[in-house]
Every structure is written in structure tokens, then in C-alpha cells.
Amino acid sequence: MLDIQGRPCNNSMVKNVLLPYIGKDVKIKYDLGRNKYEVYEAKITKIYNSVFLVKLKDNTVKSFSFADIITKNIKIY
């Protein structure tokens, strides 16, 4: 699991943690609230200043913000 838990973090820290995952298969668990989750198996394709793009198995592209990671709305395994 992507490890930023328990530490104060900012966008540059999240970007540095995500850099080794570019091009690798990851599992993303997205919290929709009220005990509802979406799970994606994807590859991280690009990382920008405050967002990153993933390509899903069906070749669709989704974007997530670093704020989603900081606020723990998504978890990356």
C-alpha cells in the first residue's frame, strides 16, 4: 500500500511517492462514502503537479488528484 499514513504531507511528497509506480500495475480502492467502494486495476501512466492519470484494463483513462490520496479517499495497493 502507498505509505503516507500518519505523516503530514503535501503535493510534492505524494508526487515523490508515486513516481516509482509509473508504468506498474496497481489496485486503486476509491471510497464513495457510506461503505461503498469502487476498485480499479490499472497502470499509472502520467503524473502532473496535482493529478495523476491511470489507464484501466479496458483502456479507459481516469484521473485522480493528490488531494484524494491526502484525504484518504483513495488507497493504492
N, C-alpha and C. Protein backbone atom coordinates (compact mmCIF):
# COMPACT_ATOMS: atom_id res chain seq x y z
N MET A 1 0.85 -1.17 0.00
CA MET A 1 0.00 0.00 0.00
C MET A 1 0.89 1.24 0.00
N LEU A 2 0.45 2.26 -0.67
CA LEU A 2 1.17 3.53 -0.72
C LEU A 2 1.22 4.09 0.68
N ASP A 3 2.42 4.40 1.17
CA ASP A 3 2.58 4.74 2.57
C ASP A 3 2.81 6.23 2.76
N ILE A 4 1.74 6.94 3.15
CA ILE A 4 1.88 8.32 3.60
C ILE A 4 1.08 8.52 4.88
N GLN A 5 0.65 7.42 5.47
CA GLN A 5 -0.23 7.48 6.63
C GLN A 5 0.50 8.00 7.85
N GLY A 6 -0.21 8.83 8.60
CA GLY A 6 0.31 9.31 9.86
C GLY A 6 1.32 10.42 9.75
N ARG A 7 1.66 10.83 8.52
CA ARG A 7 2.63 11.90 8.35
C ARG A 7 1.96 13.09 7.67
N PRO A 8 2.31 14.30 8.08
CA PRO A 8 1.81 15.45 7.32
C PRO A 8 2.43 15.43 5.93
N CYS A 9 1.63 15.69 4.92
CA CYS A 9 2.17 15.61 3.58
C CYS A 9 1.61 16.72 2.70
N ASN A 10 2.27 16.92 1.59
CA ASN A 10 1.85 17.91 0.61
C ASN A 10 1.96 17.28 -0.77
N ASN A 11 1.66 18.06 -1.81
CA ASN A 11 1.66 17.52 -3.16
C ASN A 11 3.01 16.99 -3.60
N SER A 12 4.09 17.65 -3.22
CA SER A 12 5.41 17.18 -3.66
C SER A 12 5.77 15.85 -3.01
N MET A 13 5.36 15.63 -1.77
CA MET A 13 5.61 14.34 -1.13
C MET A 13 4.84 13.23 -1.83
N VAL A 14 3.58 13.49 -2.15
CA VAL A 14 2.75 12.49 -2.83
C VAL A 14 3.33 12.18 -4.20
N LYS A 15 3.78 13.21 -4.90
CA LYS A 15 4.37 13.01 -6.23
C LYS A 15 5.62 12.15 -6.14
N ASN A 16 6.47 12.40 -5.15
CA ASN A 16 7.69 11.60 -4.98
C ASN A 16 7.39 10.15 -4.64
N VAL A 17 6.32 9.92 -3.89
CA VAL A 17 5.95 8.55 -3.54
C VAL A 17 5.36 7.83 -4.76
N LEU A 18 4.64 8.56 -5.62
CA LEU A 18 4.01 7.95 -6.80
C LEU A 18 4.98 7.69 -7.95
N LEU A 19 6.07 8.42 -8.03
CA LEU A 19 7.00 8.29 -9.16
C LEU A 19 7.47 6.86 -9.43
N PRO A 20 7.81 6.06 -8.43
CA PRO A 20 8.25 4.68 -8.73
C PRO A 20 7.14 3.79 -9.30
N TYR A 21 5.88 4.20 -9.18
CA TYR A 21 4.77 3.39 -9.64
C TYR A 21 4.38 3.64 -11.10
N ILE A 22 5.04 4.56 -11.79
CA ILE A 22 4.71 4.85 -13.18
C ILE A 22 4.96 3.61 -14.03
N GLY A 23 3.94 3.20 -14.79
CA GLY A 23 4.04 2.05 -15.66
C GLY A 23 3.82 0.71 -14.99
N LYS A 24 3.55 0.72 -13.69
CA LYS A 24 3.35 -0.54 -12.97
C LYS A 24 1.86 -0.75 -12.70
N ASP A 25 1.49 -2.02 -12.58
CA ASP A 25 0.11 -2.36 -12.25
C ASP A 25 -0.16 -2.06 -10.78
N VAL A 26 -1.27 -1.37 -10.54
CA VAL A 26 -1.68 -1.05 -9.17
C VAL A 26 -3.17 -1.34 -9.03
N LYS A 27 -3.60 -1.45 -7.80
CA LYS A 27 -5.02 -1.57 -7.49
C LYS A 27 -5.42 -0.32 -6.74
N ILE A 28 -6.46 0.34 -7.19
CA ILE A 28 -6.93 1.58 -6.57
C ILE A 28 -8.30 1.33 -5.97
N LYS A 29 -8.43 1.62 -4.69
CA LYS A 29 -9.71 1.49 -4.00
C LYS A 29 -10.22 2.90 -3.72
N TYR A 30 -11.33 3.25 -4.35
CA TYR A 30 -11.90 4.59 -4.28
C TYR A 30 -13.10 4.58 -3.36
N ASP A 31 -13.07 5.39 -2.31
CA ASP A 31 -14.13 5.45 -1.31
C ASP A 31 -15.22 6.40 -1.78
N LEU A 32 -16.42 5.86 -2.01
CA LEU A 32 -17.56 6.67 -2.45
C LEU A 32 -18.39 7.17 -1.28
N GLY A 33 -18.10 6.71 -0.09
CA GLY A 33 -18.87 7.09 1.10
C GLY A 33 -19.96 6.07 1.39
N ARG A 34 -20.44 6.09 2.61
CA ARG A 34 -21.49 5.17 3.06
C ARG A 34 -21.15 3.71 2.77
N ASN A 35 -19.91 3.34 3.06
CA ASN A 35 -19.41 1.98 2.89
C ASN A 35 -19.51 1.47 1.46
N LYS A 36 -19.39 2.36 0.49
CA LYS A 36 -19.38 1.98 -0.92
C LYS A 36 -18.00 2.27 -1.49
N TYR A 37 -17.50 1.32 -2.26
CA TYR A 37 -16.18 1.44 -2.84
C TYR A 37 -16.21 1.04 -4.30
N GLU A 38 -15.30 1.61 -5.08
CA GLU A 38 -15.00 1.14 -6.43
C GLU A 38 -13.55 0.71 -6.43
N VAL A 39 -13.28 -0.42 -7.04
CA VAL A 39 -11.91 -0.93 -7.10
C VAL A 39 -11.51 -1.00 -8.57
N TYR A 40 -10.36 -0.42 -8.87
CA TYR A 40 -9.84 -0.40 -10.23
C TYR A 40 -8.49 -1.10 -10.26
N GLU A 41 -8.26 -1.89 -11.29
CA GLU A 41 -6.92 -2.41 -11.55
C GLU A 41 -6.42 -1.64 -12.76
N ALA A 42 -5.30 -0.95 -12.58
CA ALA A 42 -4.86 0.00 -13.60
C ALA A 42 -3.35 0.14 -13.58
N LYS A 43 -2.85 0.95 -14.53
CA LYS A 43 -1.45 1.35 -14.58
C LYS A 43 -1.40 2.86 -14.45
N ILE A 44 -0.48 3.34 -13.65
CA ILE A 44 -0.29 4.79 -13.55
C ILE A 44 0.52 5.20 -14.79
N THR A 45 -0.06 6.11 -15.58
CA THR A 45 0.59 6.47 -16.84
C THR A 45 1.33 7.79 -16.76
N LYS A 46 0.72 8.81 -16.18
CA LYS A 46 1.36 10.12 -16.11
C LYS A 46 1.10 10.76 -14.76
N ILE A 47 2.07 11.56 -14.33
CA ILE A 47 1.94 12.31 -13.08
C ILE A 47 2.20 13.77 -13.38
N TYR A 48 1.27 14.60 -12.98
CA TYR A 48 1.40 16.05 -13.15
C TYR A 48 1.57 16.69 -11.77
N ASN A 49 1.45 18.01 -11.68
CA ASN A 49 1.70 18.72 -10.43
C ASN A 49 0.71 18.38 -9.32
N SER A 50 -0.55 18.16 -9.65
CA SER A 50 -1.51 17.86 -8.59
C SER A 50 -2.47 16.74 -8.94
N VAL A 51 -2.29 16.11 -10.10
CA VAL A 51 -3.13 14.98 -10.50
C VAL A 51 -2.25 13.90 -11.13
N PHE A 52 -2.81 12.70 -11.19
CA PHE A 52 -2.15 11.63 -11.91
C PHE A 52 -3.20 10.86 -12.71
N LEU A 53 -2.75 10.29 -13.82
CA LEU A 53 -3.63 9.56 -14.72
C LEU A 53 -3.36 8.07 -14.62
N VAL A 54 -4.44 7.30 -14.68
CA VAL A 54 -4.31 5.85 -14.70
C VAL A 54 -5.07 5.32 -15.90
N LYS A 55 -4.56 4.24 -16.46
CA LYS A 55 -5.20 3.57 -17.58
C LYS A 55 -5.75 2.24 -17.08
N LEU A 56 -7.06 2.09 -17.17
CA LEU A 56 -7.72 0.88 -16.69
C LEU A 56 -7.53 -0.27 -17.66
N LYS A 57 -7.93 -1.46 -17.25
CA LYS A 57 -7.77 -2.65 -18.08
C LYS A 57 -8.57 -2.55 -19.38
N ASP A 58 -9.68 -1.81 -19.38
CA ASP A 58 -10.49 -1.66 -20.59
C ASP A 58 -10.07 -0.44 -21.41
N ASN A 59 -8.86 0.06 -21.18
CA ASN A 59 -8.24 1.18 -21.90
C ASN A 59 -8.91 2.53 -21.68
N THR A 60 -9.74 2.67 -20.67
CA THR A 60 -10.24 3.99 -20.32
C THR A 60 -9.24 4.67 -19.40
N VAL A 61 -9.24 5.98 -19.42
CA VAL A 61 -8.30 6.76 -18.62
C VAL A 61 -9.07 7.51 -17.55
N LYS A 62 -8.60 7.42 -16.32
CA LYS A 62 -9.19 8.15 -15.20
C LYS A 62 -8.11 9.02 -14.58
N SER A 63 -8.55 10.10 -13.98
CA SER A 63 -7.60 10.97 -13.29
C SER A 63 -8.01 11.08 -11.83
N PHE A 64 -7.02 11.18 -10.98
CA PHE A 64 -7.22 11.36 -9.55
C PHE A 64 -6.31 12.48 -9.09
N SER A 65 -6.72 13.19 -8.07
CA SER A 65 -5.89 14.28 -7.56
C SER A 65 -5.07 13.78 -6.37
N PHE A 66 -4.00 14.49 -6.10
CA PHE A 66 -3.19 14.18 -4.93
C PHE A 66 -3.99 14.40 -3.65
N ALA A 67 -4.94 15.31 -3.69
CA ALA A 67 -5.79 15.57 -2.53
C ALA A 67 -6.61 14.34 -2.17
N ASP A 68 -6.97 13.53 -3.17
CA ASP A 68 -7.68 12.28 -2.89
C ASP A 68 -6.82 11.34 -2.04
N ILE A 69 -5.54 11.33 -2.29
CA ILE A 69 -4.63 10.49 -1.51
C ILE A 69 -4.44 11.07 -0.12
N ILE A 70 -4.24 12.38 -0.05
CA ILE A 70 -4.01 13.03 1.24
C ILE A 70 -5.22 12.88 2.16
N THR A 71 -6.43 13.02 1.60
CA THR A 71 -7.64 12.90 2.41
C THR A 71 -8.12 11.47 2.55
N LYS A 72 -7.36 10.53 1.99
CA LYS A 72 -7.62 9.09 2.09
C LYS A 72 -8.93 8.68 1.41
N ASN A 73 -9.32 9.40 0.35
CA ASN A 73 -10.47 8.95 -0.44
C ASN A 73 -10.08 7.82 -1.37
N ILE A 74 -8.82 7.72 -1.72
CA ILE A 74 -8.36 6.56 -2.48
C ILE A 74 -7.17 5.94 -1.78
N LYS A 75 -7.06 4.64 -1.97
CA LYS A 75 -5.89 3.91 -1.47
C LYS A 75 -5.30 3.16 -2.65
N ILE A 76 -3.99 3.16 -2.73
CA ILE A 76 -3.29 2.50 -3.82
C ILE A 76 -2.51 1.33 -3.26
N TYR A 77 -2.74 0.17 -3.87
CA TYR A 77 -2.05 -1.07 -3.45
C TYR A 77 -1.17 -1.56 -4.57
